[in-house]
Protein backbone atom coordinates (compact mmCIF):
# COMPACT_ATOMS: atom_id res chain seq x y z
CA MET A 1 21.13 15.77 -16.12
CA SER A 2 21.75 18.31 -13.54
CA ILE A 3 19.78 21.74 -13.66
CA THR A 4 23.01 23.58 -14.48
CA LYS A 5 23.99 21.28 -17.30
CA GLN A 6 20.65 21.56 -18.73
CA PHE A 7 20.77 25.39 -18.64
CA PHE A 8 24.03 25.27 -20.63
CA SER A 9 22.87 22.51 -23.05
CA PRO A 10 22.39 23.09 -26.94
CA ASP A 11 18.57 23.12 -26.25
CA GLY A 12 18.74 25.06 -23.00
CA PRO A 13 17.70 28.52 -21.97
CA LEU A 14 21.17 30.21 -22.89
CA ALA A 15 21.12 28.67 -26.44
CA ALA A 16 17.53 29.95 -26.92
CA HIS A 17 18.71 33.51 -25.83
CA PHE A 18 21.84 33.69 -27.90
CA GLU A 19 21.56 33.27 -31.54
CA GLU A 20 25.14 32.08 -32.11
CA TYR A 21 25.55 30.13 -28.82
CA GLU A 22 28.51 27.83 -28.40
CA MET A 23 28.97 25.37 -25.60
CA ARG A 24 32.31 25.65 -23.63
CA ASP A 25 33.23 22.46 -21.98
CA ALA A 26 35.47 24.16 -19.41
CA GLN A 27 32.64 26.51 -18.47
CA ILE A 28 30.29 23.50 -17.94
CA ARG A 29 32.78 21.57 -15.91
CA MET A 30 33.16 24.47 -13.61
CA ALA A 31 29.46 25.16 -13.29
CA VAL A 32 28.70 21.57 -12.45
CA GLN A 33 31.49 21.63 -9.73
CA VAL A 34 29.91 24.79 -8.25
CA GLU A 35 26.49 23.14 -8.22
CA GLN A 36 27.88 20.14 -6.37
CA ILE A 37 29.56 22.40 -3.82
CA ILE A 38 26.36 24.39 -3.18
CA GLU A 39 24.42 21.11 -2.82
CA LYS A 40 26.94 18.97 -0.72
CA LYS A 41 28.59 21.97 0.92
CA GLY A 42 32.43 22.46 1.12
CA VAL A 43 35.13 24.61 -0.46
CA LEU A 44 35.95 24.82 -4.15
CA LEU A 45 39.13 26.35 -5.61
CA ALA A 46 38.54 26.97 -9.35
CA GLU A 47 41.25 28.33 -11.60
CA ALA A 48 39.62 29.25 -14.92
CA GLY A 49 41.63 30.92 -17.72
CA THR A 50 40.61 34.04 -19.48
CA GLY A 51 37.61 33.36 -21.74
CA THR A 52 36.28 30.32 -19.84
CA GLY A 53 33.13 32.25 -18.96
CA LYS A 54 33.71 31.66 -15.24
CA THR A 55 31.13 34.42 -14.23
CA LEU A 56 28.25 32.57 -15.75
CA ALA A 57 29.74 29.26 -14.50
CA TYR A 58 29.16 30.25 -10.80
CA LEU A 59 26.13 32.65 -11.40
CA VAL A 60 23.87 30.07 -13.10
CA PRO A 61 24.11 27.42 -10.39
CA THR A 62 24.01 29.99 -7.66
CA MET A 63 20.83 31.58 -9.06
CA LEU A 64 19.13 28.35 -10.01
CA MET A 65 19.63 26.61 -6.66
CA GLY A 66 17.71 29.22 -4.66
CA ARG A 67 20.22 29.80 -1.81
CA THR A 68 20.88 33.18 -0.42
CA ALA A 69 24.32 33.98 -1.78
CA ILE A 70 27.14 36.73 -1.76
CA ILE A 71 29.18 37.32 -4.86
CA SER A 72 32.34 39.13 -3.83
CA THR A 73 34.74 40.79 -6.30
CA GLY A 74 38.04 42.37 -6.24
CA THR A 75 37.13 45.48 -8.12
CA LYS A 76 34.13 47.78 -8.59
CA ASN A 77 34.21 47.41 -12.32
CA LEU A 78 33.71 43.64 -12.17
CA GLN A 79 31.01 44.31 -9.59
CA GLU A 80 29.11 46.48 -12.09
CA GLN A 81 29.57 44.10 -14.91
CA ILE A 82 28.14 41.25 -12.94
CA PHE A 83 25.19 43.06 -11.62
CA PHE A 84 24.27 45.29 -14.58
CA LYS A 85 25.10 42.81 -17.38
CA ASP A 86 25.36 39.29 -16.33
CA ILE A 87 22.58 39.02 -13.58
CA GLU A 88 20.30 41.32 -15.62
CA MET A 89 20.69 38.97 -18.56
CA LEU A 90 20.00 35.81 -16.62
CA ASN A 91 17.12 37.30 -14.79
CA SER A 92 15.58 38.09 -18.29
CA ILE A 93 15.98 34.28 -19.15
CA LEU A 94 14.82 32.70 -15.92
CA GLU A 95 11.24 31.81 -15.42
CA THR A 96 11.28 33.28 -11.85
CA PRO A 97 13.84 36.18 -11.66
CA ILE A 98 15.63 36.44 -8.34
CA ASN A 99 15.98 39.47 -6.09
CA ALA A 100 19.52 40.77 -6.63
CA VAL A 101 21.09 43.81 -4.92
CA TYR A 102 24.41 45.66 -5.81
CA LEU A 103 25.84 46.96 -2.42
CA LYS A 104 28.92 49.35 -2.52
CA GLY A 105 31.18 50.52 0.20
CA GLN A 106 29.63 53.38 2.20
CA GLU A 107 31.96 56.01 0.90
CA ASN A 108 30.10 55.74 -2.41
CA TYR A 109 26.97 57.02 -0.79
CA LEU A 110 25.98 60.69 0.16
CA CYS A 111 25.72 61.43 3.83
CA LEU A 112 22.79 63.74 4.46
CA ARG A 113 24.14 64.71 7.95
CA ARG A 114 27.50 65.76 6.51
CA LEU A 115 25.98 67.63 3.60
CA ASP A 116 23.91 69.56 6.30
CA GLU A 117 27.10 70.24 8.31
CA LEU A 118 28.94 71.47 5.31
CA ARG A 119 26.18 73.92 4.37
CA ARG A 120 26.44 75.51 7.93
CA SER A 121 30.14 75.62 7.83
CA PRO A 122 32.36 78.46 6.52
CA ARG A 123 34.28 75.65 4.79
CA VAL A 124 31.48 75.51 2.10
CA LEU A 125 32.93 78.94 0.76
CA SER A 126 36.15 77.17 -0.22
CA PHE A 127 34.14 75.24 -3.02
CA PRO A 128 32.91 76.87 -6.36
CA PRO A 129 29.26 77.90 -5.61
CA GLU A 130 28.01 76.16 -8.87
CA ARG A 131 29.46 72.88 -7.71
CA VAL A 132 27.66 73.15 -4.33
CA ALA A 133 24.47 74.18 -5.85
CA GLU A 134 24.71 71.12 -8.35
CA LEU A 135 25.43 68.79 -5.24
CA ASN A 136 22.47 70.17 -3.48
CA HIS A 137 20.11 69.82 -6.31
CA TRP A 138 21.29 66.20 -6.92
CA ALA A 139 20.70 65.46 -3.15
CA GLN A 140 17.13 66.49 -3.42
CA GLN A 141 16.52 64.35 -6.60
CA THR A 142 18.38 61.17 -5.96
CA GLN A 143 16.78 57.90 -4.81
CA THR A 144 19.99 56.00 -4.11
CA GLY A 145 22.61 58.75 -3.04
CA ASP A 146 25.19 56.79 -5.23
CA ARG A 147 28.01 58.99 -6.45
CA MET A 148 27.97 57.03 -9.82
CA GLU A 149 24.90 59.18 -10.77
CA ILE A 150 27.01 62.31 -10.85
CA ASP A 151 28.57 62.05 -14.33
CA GLY A 152 31.35 64.69 -14.04
CA LEU A 153 32.53 63.73 -10.56
CA ALA A 154 36.21 62.92 -10.41
CA ASP A 155 37.58 60.24 -8.18
CA ASP A 156 39.39 62.54 -5.95
CA ASP A 157 36.90 65.41 -5.88
CA PRO A 158 37.50 67.06 -2.45
CA LEU A 159 33.81 68.17 -2.32
CA TRP A 160 32.71 64.61 -2.25
CA GLY A 161 35.22 63.93 0.53
CA GLU A 162 33.30 66.39 2.66
CA VAL A 163 29.84 64.88 2.11
CA CYS A 164 30.19 61.19 1.72
CA SER A 165 29.57 58.56 4.32
CA THR A 166 32.63 57.00 6.00
CA ARG A 167 33.45 54.34 8.55
CA GLU A 168 34.54 57.26 10.87
CA SER A 169 31.63 59.59 10.31
CA ARG A 170 28.71 57.04 10.35
CA ILE A 171 27.03 56.95 13.78
CA GLY A 172 24.27 54.51 12.94
CA PRO A 173 20.70 54.40 14.64
CA ARG A 174 21.76 57.43 16.78
CA CYS A 175 21.80 59.82 13.79
CA LYS A 176 18.70 61.99 13.21
CA GLN A 177 19.03 61.17 9.47
CA PHE A 178 19.30 57.33 10.00
CA ASN A 179 15.83 56.43 8.48
CA ASN A 180 16.56 58.58 5.44
CA CYS A 181 20.16 57.58 5.10
CA PHE A 182 21.23 56.20 1.70
CA VAL A 183 23.58 53.65 3.28
CA THR A 184 20.66 52.44 5.62
CA ARG A 185 18.37 52.05 2.71
CA ALA A 186 20.86 50.11 0.57
CA ARG A 187 21.64 47.76 3.49
CA LYS A 188 17.92 47.09 4.19
CA GLN A 189 17.51 46.19 0.54
CA ALA A 190 20.48 43.90 0.73
CA MET A 191 19.08 42.14 3.92
CA GLN A 192 16.03 41.19 1.92
CA ALA A 193 17.84 39.96 -1.25
CA GLN A 194 18.63 36.47 -2.43
CA LEU A 195 21.76 37.54 -4.17
CA VAL A 196 24.07 40.40 -3.16
CA VAL A 197 26.98 41.68 -5.16
CA VAL A 198 29.83 43.35 -3.00
CA ASN A 199 33.45 43.79 -3.21
CA HIS A 200 36.05 42.00 -0.94
CA HIS A 201 36.56 45.13 1.28
CA LEU A 202 32.83 45.21 2.14
CA TYR A 203 32.66 41.42 2.64
CA PHE A 204 35.45 41.70 5.21
CA ALA A 205 33.82 44.67 6.80
CA ASP A 206 30.66 42.35 7.23
CA LEU A 207 32.99 39.66 8.63
CA ALA A 208 34.31 41.97 11.26
CA THR A 209 30.85 43.20 12.14
CA ARG A 210 29.56 39.51 12.46
CA LEU A 211 32.39 38.87 14.86
CA GLN A 212 31.07 41.73 17.08
CA GLY A 213 27.44 40.25 16.95
CA GLY A 214 26.10 42.53 14.03
CA SER A 215 25.89 42.30 10.27
CA ILE A 216 25.87 44.32 7.05
CA LEU A 217 24.97 41.46 4.67
CA PRO A 218 22.16 38.86 4.97
CA GLU A 219 22.79 35.45 6.46
CA HIS A 220 24.05 33.30 3.58
CA GLY A 221 24.87 29.81 2.78
CA VAL A 222 26.96 30.50 -0.23
CA VAL A 223 29.73 32.95 -0.88
CA VAL A 224 31.74 33.26 -4.24
CA PHE A 225 34.96 35.11 -4.32
CA ASP A 226 35.68 36.14 -7.84
CA GLU A 227 39.21 37.55 -8.41
CA ALA A 228 40.15 35.29 -5.35
CA HIS A 229 43.85 35.75 -5.87
CA SER A 230 43.52 39.16 -4.10
CA VAL A 231 41.58 37.85 -0.91
CA GLU A 232 44.69 37.45 1.23
CA ASP A 233 45.97 40.86 0.47
CA VAL A 234 42.43 42.46 1.22
CA ALA A 235 42.23 40.44 4.35
CA THR A 236 45.61 41.49 5.51
CA GLU A 237 44.82 45.17 4.70
CA PHE A 238 41.50 44.87 6.53
CA PHE A 239 42.95 43.22 9.78
CA SER A 240 45.69 45.87 9.68
CA VAL A 241 45.82 49.09 11.88
CA ALA A 242 46.90 52.25 10.27
CA VAL A 243 46.95 55.94 11.20
CA SER A 244 47.86 58.70 8.82
CA SER A 245 48.73 62.32 9.50
CA SER A 246 45.70 63.17 7.35
CA ARG A 247 43.35 61.01 9.47
CA VAL A 248 44.46 62.96 12.54
CA LYS A 249 44.12 66.44 10.68
CA ARG A 250 40.73 65.46 9.39
CA LEU A 251 39.50 64.55 12.84
CA LEU A 252 40.77 67.80 14.29
CA ASP A 253 39.37 69.80 11.35
CA ASP A 254 35.91 68.06 11.93
CA THR A 255 35.82 68.87 15.61
CA PRO A 256 34.74 72.59 15.65
CA LYS A 257 32.47 71.97 12.62
CA ILE A 258 30.56 69.20 14.28
CA ILE A 259 30.29 71.04 17.65
CA ARG A 260 29.13 74.21 15.77
CA SER A 261 26.43 72.23 13.98
CA ALA A 262 25.04 70.82 17.30
CA LYS A 263 23.74 74.16 18.19
CA PHE A 264 24.76 74.38 21.76
CA GLY A 265 24.53 78.15 21.86
CA ASP A 266 27.39 79.63 23.73
CA ASP A 267 30.21 77.19 24.24
CA PRO A 268 32.45 78.48 27.01
CA ALA A 269 35.21 76.04 26.04
CA GLU A 270 35.31 77.15 22.43
CA GLU A 271 38.49 79.36 22.62
CA ARG A 272 40.27 77.05 24.93
CA ARG A 273 39.46 74.18 22.58
CA LYS A 274 40.80 76.12 19.60
CA LYS A 275 44.20 76.34 21.27
CA MET A 276 44.05 72.52 22.14
CA ILE A 277 43.28 71.71 18.53
CA SER A 278 46.18 74.02 17.30
CA ALA A 279 48.57 72.24 19.71
CA ALA A 280 47.30 68.84 18.54
CA GLN A 281 47.90 69.77 14.86
CA GLN A 282 51.50 70.87 15.63
CA ALA A 283 52.13 67.59 17.46
CA ASN A 284 50.60 65.69 14.48
CA THR A 285 52.99 67.48 12.15
CA GLY A 286 55.92 66.83 14.63
CA LEU A 287 55.30 63.12 14.89
CA PHE A 288 54.79 62.22 11.26
CA PHE A 289 57.60 64.44 10.05
CA ARG A 290 59.95 62.05 11.77
CA PHE A 291 58.77 59.25 9.31
CA ARG A 292 58.94 61.27 6.17
CA GLY A 293 61.21 59.72 3.45
CA SER A 294 60.96 58.45 -0.15
CA ALA A 295 57.56 57.65 -1.59
CA GLY A 296 56.21 54.20 -1.08
CA ARG A 297 55.98 51.72 1.71
CA ALA A 298 58.83 50.47 3.88
CA LYS A 299 59.22 48.08 6.75
CA LEU A 300 59.55 49.82 10.04
CA ILE A 301 61.71 47.94 12.50
CA PRO A 302 61.23 48.39 16.29
CA GLU A 303 64.67 50.09 16.69
CA GLU A 304 63.56 52.94 14.33
CA ILE A 305 60.80 53.79 16.81
CA ASP A 306 63.21 55.41 19.16
CA ASP A 307 62.85 57.47 22.37
CA ARG A 308 62.34 60.76 20.37
CA CYS A 309 59.66 59.22 18.31
CA HIS A 310 57.95 58.15 21.48
CA GLU A 311 58.31 61.59 22.91
CA ALA A 312 56.65 63.06 19.87
CA TYR A 313 53.94 60.37 20.06
CA HIS A 314 53.20 61.12 23.67
CA ARG A 315 53.01 65.01 22.84
CA LEU A 316 50.42 64.06 20.27
CA ASP A 317 48.47 61.66 22.55
CA THR A 318 48.48 64.14 25.32
CA SER A 319 47.06 66.80 22.94
CA LEU A 320 44.45 64.57 21.59
CA ASP A 321 43.48 63.50 25.08
CA ALA A 322 42.93 67.12 26.07
CA VAL A 323 40.56 67.66 23.09
CA GLU A 324 38.76 64.52 23.71
CA ASN A 325 38.19 65.43 27.39
CA SER A 326 36.80 68.74 26.36
CA ILE A 327 34.27 66.94 24.17
CA ARG A 328 33.51 64.42 26.83
CA ALA A 329 32.26 67.38 28.94
CA LEU A 330 29.47 67.75 26.33
CA GLU A 331 28.44 63.99 26.48
CA GLY A 332 24.76 63.15 26.35
CA THR A 333 23.73 66.36 24.88
CA ASP A 334 24.20 65.32 21.10
CA ASP A 335 24.60 61.97 19.57
CA VAL A 336 26.97 63.32 16.79
CA VAL A 337 29.15 64.91 19.44
CA ASP A 338 29.19 61.73 21.44
CA HIS A 339 30.39 59.84 18.31
CA LEU A 340 33.04 62.52 17.82
CA SER A 341 34.62 61.63 21.12
CA ASP A 342 34.45 57.89 20.29
CA ARG A 343 36.54 58.83 17.22
CA PHE A 344 39.18 60.34 19.42
CA ALA A 345 39.37 57.24 21.56
CA ALA A 346 39.62 54.90 18.45
CA LEU A 347 42.29 57.10 16.92
CA ARG A 348 44.36 57.14 20.14
CA SER A 349 43.99 53.26 20.49
CA ASP A 350 45.25 52.73 16.87
CA LEU A 351 48.14 55.05 17.38
CA ASP A 352 49.13 53.16 20.47
CA GLN A 353 49.01 49.88 18.52
CA VAL A 354 51.03 51.01 15.40
CA LEU A 355 53.78 52.54 17.63
CA SER A 356 53.99 49.68 20.07
CA ARG A 357 57.38 48.09 20.22
CA SER A 358 56.08 44.89 21.73
CA ALA A 359 53.23 43.68 19.27
CA ARG A 360 53.74 40.16 18.27
CA GLY A 361 52.55 38.63 14.95
CA PHE A 362 52.43 41.95 13.17
CA VAL A 363 54.80 43.64 10.89
CA HIS A 364 55.20 47.44 11.20
CA TRP A 365 55.58 49.74 8.26
CA VAL A 366 55.63 53.36 7.16
CA GLU A 367 54.17 54.72 3.92
CA ASN A 368 54.82 58.04 2.37
CA ARG A 369 52.29 59.52 0.13
CA ARG A 370 52.15 62.87 -1.60
CA ARG A 371 50.20 64.74 0.99
CA SER A 372 50.59 62.41 4.18
CA ALA A 373 52.62 59.66 5.88
CA VAL A 374 50.93 56.61 7.21
CA LEU A 375 52.05 54.39 10.13
CA GLY A 376 50.77 50.71 10.21
CA ALA A 377 50.85 47.34 11.60
CA SER A 378 49.74 44.39 9.51
CA PRO A 379 49.27 40.78 10.55
CA ILE A 380 51.90 38.36 9.28
CA ASP A 381 49.35 35.70 8.77
CA VAL A 382 45.52 35.89 8.29
CA SER A 383 44.77 32.23 7.81
CA ASP A 384 43.10 31.80 11.26
CA GLN A 385 40.70 34.62 10.58
CA LEU A 386 39.91 33.22 7.16
CA ARG A 387 39.35 29.72 8.43
CA GLU A 388 37.23 30.62 11.32
CA GLY A 389 35.32 33.52 9.80
CA ILE A 390 34.64 31.99 6.36
CA PHE A 391 35.64 28.52 5.52
CA PHE A 392 34.26 26.98 8.85
CA ALA A 393 31.36 29.55 9.05
CA ILE A 394 29.89 29.51 5.53
CA PRO A 395 28.48 26.18 4.22
CA SER A 396 29.61 26.66 0.54
CA VAL A 397 32.69 28.69 -0.44
CA ILE A 398 33.74 29.11 -4.01
CA MET A 399 37.03 30.81 -4.73
CA THR A 400 37.85 31.42 -8.39
CA SER A 401 40.28 33.41 -10.56
CA ALA A 402 42.37 33.16 -13.75
CA THR A 403 45.46 32.91 -11.57
CA LEU A 404 45.22 30.78 -8.36
CA CYS A 405 47.74 27.97 -8.73
CA THR A 406 51.10 27.13 -10.11
CA ASP A 407 51.26 24.35 -12.64
CA ARG A 408 47.87 23.18 -11.39
CA ASP A 409 49.15 23.06 -7.80
CA PHE A 410 47.05 24.97 -5.25
CA SER A 411 49.39 24.14 -2.31
CA PHE A 412 50.73 27.77 -1.81
CA LEU A 413 47.31 29.38 -2.02
CA LYS A 414 45.88 26.91 0.46
CA SER A 415 48.72 27.55 2.90
CA ARG A 416 48.23 31.25 2.92
CA LEU A 417 44.45 31.11 3.27
CA GLY A 418 44.40 28.40 6.05
CA ILE A 419 42.84 25.61 3.99
CA ASP A 420 44.44 22.68 5.84
CA PHE A 421 41.38 20.45 5.28
CA GLU A 422 40.01 18.71 2.11
CA ALA A 423 38.85 21.09 -0.60
CA THR A 424 37.64 20.50 -4.16
CA GLU A 425 40.23 21.65 -6.87
CA LEU A 426 39.58 22.48 -10.47
CA SER A 427 41.85 24.02 -13.01
CA VAL A 428 40.62 24.58 -16.65
CA ASP A 429 42.59 26.20 -19.37
CA SER A 430 41.63 29.27 -21.45
CA PRO A 431 39.94 28.43 -24.76
CA PHE A 432 41.88 31.31 -26.47
CA ASP A 433 44.74 30.32 -28.90
CA TYR A 434 47.03 33.16 -27.95
CA SER A 435 49.71 32.24 -30.58
CA ARG A 436 47.08 32.93 -33.33
CA GLN A 437 44.75 35.50 -31.66
CA GLY A 438 47.35 37.73 -29.92
CA CYS A 439 50.42 39.69 -30.61
CA LEU A 440 53.08 40.86 -28.29
CA PHE A 441 55.27 43.88 -29.07
CA LEU A 442 58.31 44.81 -27.02
CA PRO A 443 59.81 48.12 -28.09
CA SER A 444 63.57 47.67 -27.94
CA GLN A 445 64.47 51.47 -28.47
CA ILE A 446 62.97 53.12 -25.47
CA ALA A 447 64.37 54.74 -22.24
CA ASP A 448 64.38 53.23 -18.91
CA PRO A 449 61.09 54.14 -16.97
CA ARG A 450 63.30 56.06 -14.54
CA ASP A 451 64.80 58.12 -17.35
CA GLU A 452 63.06 61.66 -17.99
CA ARG A 453 62.85 60.80 -21.63
CA PHE A 454 60.67 57.73 -20.88
CA VAL A 455 57.22 59.43 -21.00
CA ASP A 456 57.84 61.22 -24.34
CA GLN A 457 59.06 58.00 -25.88
CA ALA A 458 56.32 55.91 -24.40
CA ALA A 459 53.69 58.39 -25.62
CA GLU A 460 55.17 58.34 -29.23
CA THR A 461 55.20 54.51 -29.20
CA ALA A 462 51.67 54.40 -27.94
CA ARG A 463 50.49 56.99 -30.56
CA THR A 464 51.95 54.88 -33.39
CA LEU A 465 50.17 51.73 -32.14
CA ILE A 466 46.97 53.62 -31.63
CA GLU A 467 47.16 54.74 -35.36
CA ILE A 468 47.97 51.11 -36.65
CA THR A 469 45.06 49.65 -34.81
CA ASP A 470 42.67 52.59 -35.59
CA GLY A 471 42.16 53.56 -31.92
CA GLY A 472 40.13 51.78 -29.28
CA ALA A 473 43.27 51.39 -27.19
CA LEU A 474 43.54 50.86 -23.50
CA VAL A 475 46.73 52.28 -22.09
CA LEU A 476 47.83 50.84 -18.70
CA CYS A 477 50.40 52.69 -16.51
CA THR A 478 52.04 51.70 -13.20
CA SER A 479 51.89 55.20 -11.62
CA LEU A 480 49.35 57.92 -11.65
CA ARG A 481 52.02 60.42 -12.47
CA ASN A 482 52.90 58.73 -15.70
CA MET A 483 49.22 58.05 -16.46
CA LYS A 484 48.49 61.90 -16.33
CA ALA A 485 51.72 62.60 -18.23
CA LEU A 486 50.85 60.18 -21.03
CA HIS A 487 47.27 61.56 -21.24
CA GLU A 488 48.51 65.10 -21.59
CA ARG A 489 50.79 64.14 -24.41
CA LEU A 490 48.34 61.88 -26.27
CA CYS A 491 45.58 64.52 -26.10
CA ASP A 492 47.81 66.82 -28.41
CA THR A 493 48.64 64.03 -30.96
CA VAL A 494 45.80 61.58 -31.12
CA ASP A 495 42.60 62.27 -33.13
CA GLY A 496 39.44 61.60 -31.13
CA PRO A 497 38.68 61.36 -27.41
CA VAL A 498 41.43 60.48 -25.00
CA LEU A 499 39.90 59.54 -21.58
CA LEU A 500 41.66 59.55 -18.32
CA GLN A 501 41.00 57.50 -15.16
CA GLY A 502 39.64 59.66 -12.37
CA GLU A 503 38.08 62.40 -14.45
CA ALA A 504 34.67 60.76 -14.07
CA PRO A 505 33.11 57.71 -12.44
CA LYS A 506 34.73 54.45 -13.92
CA SER A 507 31.31 53.14 -15.08
CA SER A 508 30.77 56.34 -16.97
CA LEU A 509 34.22 56.18 -18.59
CA LEU A 510 33.82 52.69 -19.61
CA THR A 511 30.42 53.33 -21.24
CA ARG A 512 32.07 56.11 -23.24
CA PHE A 513 35.00 53.90 -24.14
């Protein structure tokens, strides 16, 4: 009997741990396939319906076989569940617990350098003093710098946006805070771990770094993509180039703050640079205003990038070039300022690519958001990058989800991901009897979602269902605007707490729920 099958058997460790343990045939079939792929190498595509227990089906063989492995998920919520619940439980059962680490994207960690810059900047006065004091106190106490520790921090809190680590702001070993950096610490721990839990975005960030000769994650022989149905979308997003009006504004706003914090003393170019920055801000508004339209994303055909757009682009590029040159004059005097000039160069390069009318293999698009417009170029096909960077580079690759194929046929998924070679395929059904265990209710008397009456009627319908089921309801919305409107109405009519996504870290909200 394989070590995995023994673990799931009626007299195995799981049965001894759970009083009412029940074997699931589909779970064991998947676990055995995962063990074989790890042992013999290759690619496994495993569709496992809801309730199969696919998390344990890949975690058990991965942890038992002792290979360095990465578990990559589509969402932070699943990341937390796997690390804090499933791995913790398995480690309590195993005779020899393994070293597992949970690594997030760097924007989840406090940047000590940016916090110091904010303290010295007049911008700190725009935030409530008590919030700044609370942040400073936490910064002195925290061992991880993880925003999850701040219970009352909203997802879109602008104060966090000023002090978190970002891809643009991080300067690596050149930073004076590098050895104390929370991102550095977290990545060092990951490099020494046997199992690292990440999300797809971070995995592809590591892939890009590896292609350039570096790494974020340890060398690994196994990678498991849970929620693998989203891998193509995340890869497309990651290999895309995008520039938003807010990215340009943020860089221009950062410039005087960073130069001021570098303590040059008298800066003879300060007044002239202020005028350059002002001109660049105006040019930024002028370019992106031309692409303003209805909310959402739309394809941008080359003909729409007309001569007037290119004139506006060249005005912005010339303005950015002037600011960049004024910063280059300070090169070699401060690592943070050197990194600032690199950010200008990267921004100008990205702008050139998204507004190029000759790019091949990319689709160009514009996305209008509430406060900014985004211009982007995305690859039409990412199969080559996935094939070379993952399937031919990592010995054992497991891709699993509740939805990977159509009528047990993986052909479409394989064509999109570049799997034009032999791969092991497995499809197992959900053990749930939906006809007996679920109920679907479709309200017939409710306005169209575009109708102004919709939110009121949806709130009243939700309230009725919540009363019938005695609470414990999860209400899912397709827009943030409707979500907030429904929350406002339900707060007035439903007894007990009504939680709202974004008002606190997701893990904190789930714990309260």
